[in-house]
């Protein structure tokens, strides 16, 4: 009786091993020689897509760990992520090193934590709220929200996207 059980277990293990080996061969051998003349259309998406890098392009911090602060620059070649508006501005204001072919930029609105167009957002500078890198520009969806935030958090100024300068960013960095 024990011998039958041992033989049965061995056979089951052998069948399972053969099935997993067969599955591995079917999924990993996709070159032309493994198909032996078999022709069909392949979905090339898997071969042409690359894994998206969510690390901040400026400082290297993982942007996904800062969902309330992350910024995304959409370019002709893909998404470029930043851990904060400050890092995004440092990068995009540098025309030589910054991302090329920018289509759009998104930041996260402070109060409702929803993505908004960075170019229409209002930014509060010099508040008592710190971002992942320290003192930051706090994005808000409109002037009313920015005014409320500035008053509640001792902000120094409200600026629009096109008024942000490298000198403003440097002043934030210097506060560290």
C-alpha atoms as a PDB file:
ATOM      1  CA  UNK A   1       0.000   0.000   0.000  1.00  0.00           C
ATOM      2  CA  UNK A   2       2.792   2.447   0.880  1.00  0.00           C
ATOM      3  CA  UNK A   3       4.590   1.607  -2.365  1.00  0.00           C
ATOM      4  CA  UNK A   4       1.451   2.477  -4.374  1.00  0.00           C
ATOM      5  CA  UNK A   5       1.149   5.851  -2.625  1.00  0.00           C
ATOM      6  CA  UNK A   6       4.836   6.631  -3.281  1.00  0.00           C
ATOM      7  CA  UNK A   7       4.475   5.662  -6.963  1.00  0.00           C
ATOM      8  CA  UNK A   8       1.278   7.727  -7.266  1.00  0.00           C
ATOM      9  CA  UNK A   9       2.986  10.816  -5.731  1.00  0.00           C
ATOM     10  CA  UNK A  10       5.995  10.368  -8.010  1.00  0.00           C
ATOM     11  CA  UNK A  11       3.759  10.161 -11.092  1.00  0.00           C
ATOM     12  CA  UNK A  12       1.795  13.271 -10.089  1.00  0.00           C
ATOM     13  CA  UNK A  13       5.062  15.164  -9.500  1.00  0.00           C
ATOM     14  CA  UNK A  14       6.347  14.022 -12.904  1.00  0.00           C
ATOM     15  CA  UNK A  15       3.159  15.193 -14.683  1.00  0.00           C
ATOM     16  CA  UNK A  16       3.293  18.579 -12.932  1.00  0.00           C
ATOM     17  CA  UNK A  17       6.971  19.000 -13.811  1.00  0.00           C
ATOM     18  CA  UNK A  18       6.294  18.158 -17.470  1.00  0.00           C
ATOM     19  CA  UNK A  19       3.405  20.629 -17.652  1.00  0.00           C
ATOM     20  CA  UNK A  20       5.412  23.491 -16.145  1.00  0.00           C
ATOM     21  CA  UNK A  21       8.358  22.759 -18.477  1.00  0.00           C
ATOM     22  CA  UNK A  22       5.988  22.780 -21.442  1.00  0.00           C
ATOM     23  CA  UNK A  23       4.477  26.130 -20.347  1.00  0.00           C
ATOM     24  CA  UNK A  24       7.947  27.658 -19.942  1.00  0.00           C
ATOM     25  CA  UNK A  25       8.943  26.536 -23.429  1.00  0.00           C
ATOM     26  CA  UNK A  26       5.761  27.944 -24.949  1.00  0.00           C
ATOM     27  CA  UNK A  27       6.098  31.368 -23.326  1.00  0.00           C
ATOM     28  CA  UNK A  28       9.833  31.952 -23.607  1.00  0.00           C
ATOM     29  CA  UNK A  29      10.704  30.568 -27.028  1.00  0.00           C
ATOM     30  CA  UNK A  30       9.183  33.116 -29.366  1.00  0.00           C
ATOM     31  CA  UNK A  31      11.995  33.395 -31.890  1.00  0.00           C
ATOM     32  CA  UNK A  32      11.421  32.224 -35.435  1.00  0.00           C
ATOM     33  CA  UNK A  33      13.376  28.953 -35.035  1.00  0.00           C
ATOM     34  CA  UNK A  34      11.116  27.736 -32.241  1.00  0.00           C
ATOM     35  CA  UNK A  35       8.001  28.130 -34.408  1.00  0.00           C
ATOM     36  CA  UNK A  36       9.213  25.665 -37.086  1.00  0.00           C
ATOM     37  CA  UNK A  37       7.442  27.347 -39.949  1.00  0.00           C
ATOM     38  CA  UNK A  38       4.339  28.309 -37.989  1.00  0.00           C
ATOM     39  CA  UNK A  39       3.260  31.815 -38.986  1.00  0.00           C
ATOM     40  CA  UNK A  40       0.857  34.095 -37.139  1.00  0.00           C
ATOM     41  CA  UNK A  41       0.630  37.715 -36.056  1.00  0.00           C
ATOM     42  CA  UNK A  42       2.259  38.649 -32.772  1.00  0.00           C
ATOM     43  CA  UNK A  43       1.287  41.539 -30.580  1.00  0.00           C
ATOM     44  CA  UNK A  44       4.454  43.652 -30.703  1.00  0.00           C
ATOM     45  CA  UNK A  45       3.308  45.966 -27.895  1.00  0.00           C
ATOM     46  CA  UNK A  46       5.094  43.860 -25.322  1.00  0.00           C
ATOM     47  CA  UNK A  47       8.362  44.100 -27.227  1.00  0.00           C
ATOM     48  CA  UNK A  48       8.230  47.854 -27.896  1.00  0.00           C
ATOM     49  CA  UNK A  49       7.014  49.209 -24.564  1.00  0.00           C
ATOM     50  CA  UNK A  50       9.395  49.962 -21.765  1.00  0.00           C
ATOM     51  CA  UNK A  51       8.665  50.074 -18.080  1.00  0.00           C
ATOM     52  CA  UNK A  52       7.810  53.620 -17.042  1.00  0.00           C
ATOM     53  CA  UNK A  53      10.319  55.196 -14.671  1.00  0.00           C
ATOM     54  CA  UNK A  54       8.502  56.950 -11.821  1.00  0.00           C
ATOM     55  CA  UNK A  55      11.675  58.234 -10.142  1.00  0.00           C
ATOM     56  CA  UNK A  56      12.031  61.996 -10.034  1.00  0.00           C
ATOM     57  CA  UNK A  57      14.068  63.092 -13.027  1.00  0.00           C
ATOM     58  CA  UNK A  58      15.699  65.856 -10.997  1.00  0.00           C
ATOM     59  CA  UNK A  59      16.556  64.285  -7.627  1.00  0.00           C
ATOM     60  CA  UNK A  60      15.870  60.568  -8.119  1.00  0.00           C
ATOM     61  CA  UNK A  61      13.290  60.202  -5.351  1.00  0.00           C
ATOM     62  CA  UNK A  62      10.376  57.841  -6.122  1.00  0.00           C
ATOM     63  CA  UNK A  63       7.528  60.149  -7.191  1.00  0.00           C
ATOM     64  CA  UNK A  64       4.854  57.530  -6.470  1.00  0.00           C
ATOM     65  CA  UNK A  65       5.729  57.713  -2.783  1.00  0.00           C
ATOM     66  CA  UNK A  66       4.549  61.333  -2.804  1.00  0.00           C
ATOM     67  CA  UNK A  67       1.093  61.161  -4.420  1.00  0.00           C
ATOM     68  CA  UNK A  68       0.065  64.586  -3.063  1.00  0.00           C
ATOM     69  CA  UNK A  69       3.148  66.262  -4.521  1.00  0.00           C
ATOM     70  CA  UNK A  70       4.168  64.402  -7.684  1.00  0.00           C
ATOM     71  CA  UNK A  71       4.259  66.148 -11.035  1.00  0.00           C
ATOM     72  CA  UNK A  72       4.113  64.632 -14.512  1.00  0.00           C
ATOM     73  CA  UNK A  73       5.495  66.115 -17.710  1.00  0.00           C
ATOM     74  CA  UNK A  74       4.043  64.467 -20.794  1.00  0.00           C
ATOM     75  CA  UNK A  75       6.488  64.601 -23.708  1.00  0.00           C
ATOM     76  CA  UNK A  76       6.460  63.289 -27.259  1.00  0.00           C
ATOM     77  CA  UNK A  77       8.477  60.280 -26.080  1.00  0.00           C
ATOM     78  CA  UNK A  78       6.658  59.500 -22.821  1.00  0.00           C
ATOM     79  CA  UNK A  79       6.070  60.658 -19.261  1.00  0.00           C
ATOM     80  CA  UNK A  80       8.698  62.301 -17.085  1.00  0.00           C
ATOM     81  CA  UNK A  81       7.954  62.183 -13.345  1.00  0.00           C
ATOM     82  CA  UNK A  82       8.983  64.456 -10.503  1.00  0.00           C
ATOM     83  CA  UNK A  83       8.543  64.102  -6.740  1.00  0.00           C
ATOM     84  CA  UNK A  84       7.380  67.716  -6.391  1.00  0.00           C
ATOM     85  CA  UNK A  85       6.575  70.917  -8.256  1.00  0.00           C
ATOM     86  CA  UNK A  86       9.928  72.322  -7.111  1.00  0.00           C
ATOM     87  CA  UNK A  87      11.872  69.547  -8.856  1.00  0.00           C
ATOM     88  CA  UNK A  88       9.640  69.846 -11.920  1.00  0.00           C
ATOM     89  CA  UNK A  89      10.304  73.595 -12.191  1.00  0.00           C
ATOM     90  CA  UNK A  90      14.058  73.173 -11.672  1.00  0.00           C
ATOM     91  CA  UNK A  91      14.084  70.728 -14.570  1.00  0.00           C
ATOM     92  CA  UNK A  92      11.678  72.439 -16.964  1.00  0.00           C
ATOM     93  CA  UNK A  93      13.157  75.912 -16.452  1.00  0.00           C
ATOM     94  CA  UNK A  94      16.523  74.558 -17.599  1.00  0.00           C
ATOM     95  CA  UNK A  95      15.947  74.598 -21.364  1.00  0.00           C
ATOM     96  CA  UNK A  96      19.215  72.773 -22.116  1.00  0.00           C
ATOM     97  CA  UNK A  97      18.826  69.857 -19.673  1.00  0.00           C
ATOM     98  CA  UNK A  98      15.050  69.802 -19.210  1.00  0.00           C
ATOM     99  CA  UNK A  99      12.644  67.501 -21.034  1.00  0.00           C
ATOM    100  CA  UNK A 100      12.144  68.159 -24.749  1.00  0.00           C
ATOM    101  CA  UNK A 101       8.895  68.049 -26.710  1.00  0.00           C
ATOM    102  CA  UNK A 102       6.626  68.874 -23.758  1.00  0.00           C
ATOM    103  CA  UNK A 103       2.952  68.318 -24.551  1.00  0.00           C
ATOM    104  CA  UNK A 104       1.469  68.951 -21.099  1.00  0.00           C
ATOM    105  CA  UNK A 105       2.347  69.182 -17.421  1.00  0.00           C
ATOM    106  CA  UNK A 106       0.233  67.992 -14.482  1.00  0.00           C
ATOM    107  CA  UNK A 107       0.579  68.805 -10.801  1.00  0.00           C
ATOM    108  CA  UNK A 108      -1.589  67.743  -7.874  1.00  0.00           C
ATOM    109  CA  UNK A 109      -3.979  70.317  -6.437  1.00  0.00           C
ATOM    110  CA  UNK A 110      -3.227  70.613  -2.722  1.00  0.00           C
ATOM    111  CA  UNK A 111      -6.753  70.586  -1.303  1.00  0.00           C
ATOM    112  CA  UNK A 112      -8.519  67.939  -3.403  1.00  0.00           C
ATOM    113  CA  UNK A 113      -5.365  65.984  -4.424  1.00  0.00           C
ATOM    114  CA  UNK A 114      -6.515  65.723  -8.046  1.00  0.00           C
ATOM    115  CA  UNK A 115      -4.271  66.223 -11.083  1.00  0.00           C
ATOM    116  CA  UNK A 116      -4.593  69.664 -12.663  1.00  0.00           C
ATOM    117  CA  UNK A 117      -2.949  71.439 -15.578  1.00  0.00           C
ATOM    118  CA  UNK A 118       0.263  72.945 -14.218  1.00  0.00           C
ATOM    119  CA  UNK A 119       0.036  75.883 -16.596  1.00  0.00           C
ATOM    120  CA  UNK A 120      -3.354  77.020 -15.254  1.00  0.00           C
ATOM    121  CA  UNK A 121      -2.623  76.237 -11.592  1.00  0.00           C
ATOM    122  CA  UNK A 122      -1.844  78.899  -9.030  1.00  0.00           C
ATOM    123  CA  UNK A 123       1.228  78.377  -6.801  1.00  0.00           C
ATOM    124  CA  UNK A 124       1.788  79.583  -3.254  1.00  0.00           C
ATOM    125  CA  UNK A 125       5.416  80.196  -2.382  1.00  0.00           C
ATOM    126  CA  UNK A 126       6.936  80.456   1.081  1.00  0.00           C
ATOM    127  CA  UNK A 127       4.261  78.711   3.119  1.00  0.00           C
ATOM    128  CA  UNK A 128       4.697  76.617   6.257  1.00  0.00           C
ATOM    129  CA  UNK A 129       3.781  73.439   4.327  1.00  0.00           C
ATOM    130  CA  UNK A 130       6.795  71.403   3.226  1.00  0.00           C
ATOM    131  CA  UNK A 131       6.986  69.105   0.220  1.00  0.00           C
ATOM    132  CA  UNK A 132       9.161  65.994  -0.121  1.00  0.00           C
ATOM    133  CA  UNK A 133      12.244  68.127  -0.805  1.00  0.00           C
ATOM    134  CA  UNK A 134      11.422  70.791   1.799  1.00  0.00           C
ATOM    135  CA  UNK A 135      10.111  74.256   0.908  1.00  0.00           C
ATOM    136  CA  UNK A 136       8.064  73.995  -2.258  1.00  0.00           C
ATOM    137  CA  UNK A 137       5.557  75.681  -4.524  1.00  0.00           C
ATOM    138  CA  UNK A 138       2.101  74.520  -3.465  1.00  0.00           C
ATOM    139  CA  UNK A 139      -0.205  74.029  -6.476  1.00  0.00           C
ATOM    140  CA  UNK A 140      -3.869  74.999  -6.210  1.00  0.00           C
ATOM    141  CA  UNK A 141      -6.626  74.841  -8.778  1.00  0.00           C
ATOM    142  CA  UNK A 142      -7.674  78.495  -8.732  1.00  0.00           C
ATOM    143  CA  UNK A 143      -7.072  81.939  -7.244  1.00  0.00           C
ATOM    144  CA  UNK A 144      -9.650  81.496  -4.448  1.00  0.00           C
ATOM    145  CA  UNK A 145      -8.053  78.250  -3.244  1.00  0.00           C
ATOM    146  CA  UNK A 146      -4.596  79.836  -3.490  1.00  0.00           C
ATOM    147  CA  UNK A 147      -5.701  82.854  -1.456  1.00  0.00           C
ATOM    148  CA  UNK A 148      -7.232  80.610   1.232  1.00  0.00           C
ATOM    149  CA  UNK A 149      -4.087  78.481   1.356  1.00  0.00           C
ATOM    150  CA  UNK A 150      -1.787  81.522   1.492  1.00  0.00           C
ATOM    151  CA  UNK A 151      -3.756  82.956   4.428  1.00  0.00           C
ATOM    152  CA  UNK A 152      -3.975  79.638   6.307  1.00  0.00           C
ATOM    153  CA  UNK A 153      -0.335  78.655   5.828  1.00  0.00           C
ATOM    154  CA  UNK A 154       1.574  81.939   6.021  1.00  0.00           C
ATOM    155  CA  UNK A 155       2.400  81.999   2.317  1.00  0.00           C
ATOM    156  CA  UNK A 156       4.539  84.794   0.921  1.00  0.00           C
ATOM    157  CA  UNK A 157       3.120  85.064  -2.597  1.00  0.00           C
ATOM    158  CA  UNK A 158       0.803  83.551  -5.209  1.00  0.00           C
ATOM    159  CA  UNK A 159       2.288  83.090  -8.674  1.00  0.00           C
ATOM    160  CA  UNK A 160       1.184  81.621 -11.987  1.00  0.00           C
ATOM    161  CA  UNK A 161       3.151  78.987 -13.893  1.00  0.00           C
ATOM    162  CA  UNK A 162       4.689  81.439 -16.348  1.00  0.00           C
ATOM    163  CA  UNK A 163       5.844  83.768 -13.540  1.00  0.00           C
ATOM    164  CA  UNK A 164       7.902  81.111 -11.706  1.00  0.00           C
ATOM    165  CA  UNK A 165      11.622  81.842 -12.048  1.00  0.00           C
ATOM    166  CA  UNK A 166      14.788  79.981 -11.158  1.00  0.00           C
ATOM    167  CA  UNK A 167      15.491  82.738  -8.596  1.00  0.00           C
ATOM    168  CA  UNK A 168      12.210  81.890  -6.812  1.00  0.00           C
ATOM    169  CA  UNK A 169      13.131  78.223  -6.790  1.00  0.00           C
ATOM    170  CA  UNK A 170      16.630  78.997  -5.531  1.00  0.00           C
ATOM    171  CA  UNK A 171      15.144  81.040  -2.673  1.00  0.00           C
ATOM    172  CA  UNK A 172      13.124  77.961  -1.650  1.00  0.00           C
ATOM    173  CA  UNK A 173      16.225  75.757  -1.823  1.00  0.00           C
ATOM    174  CA  UNK A 174      18.202  78.282   0.221  1.00  0.00           C
ATOM    175  CA  UNK A 175      15.665  78.036   3.069  1.00  0.00           C
ATOM    176  CA  UNK A 176      16.777  74.462   3.740  1.00  0.00           C
END
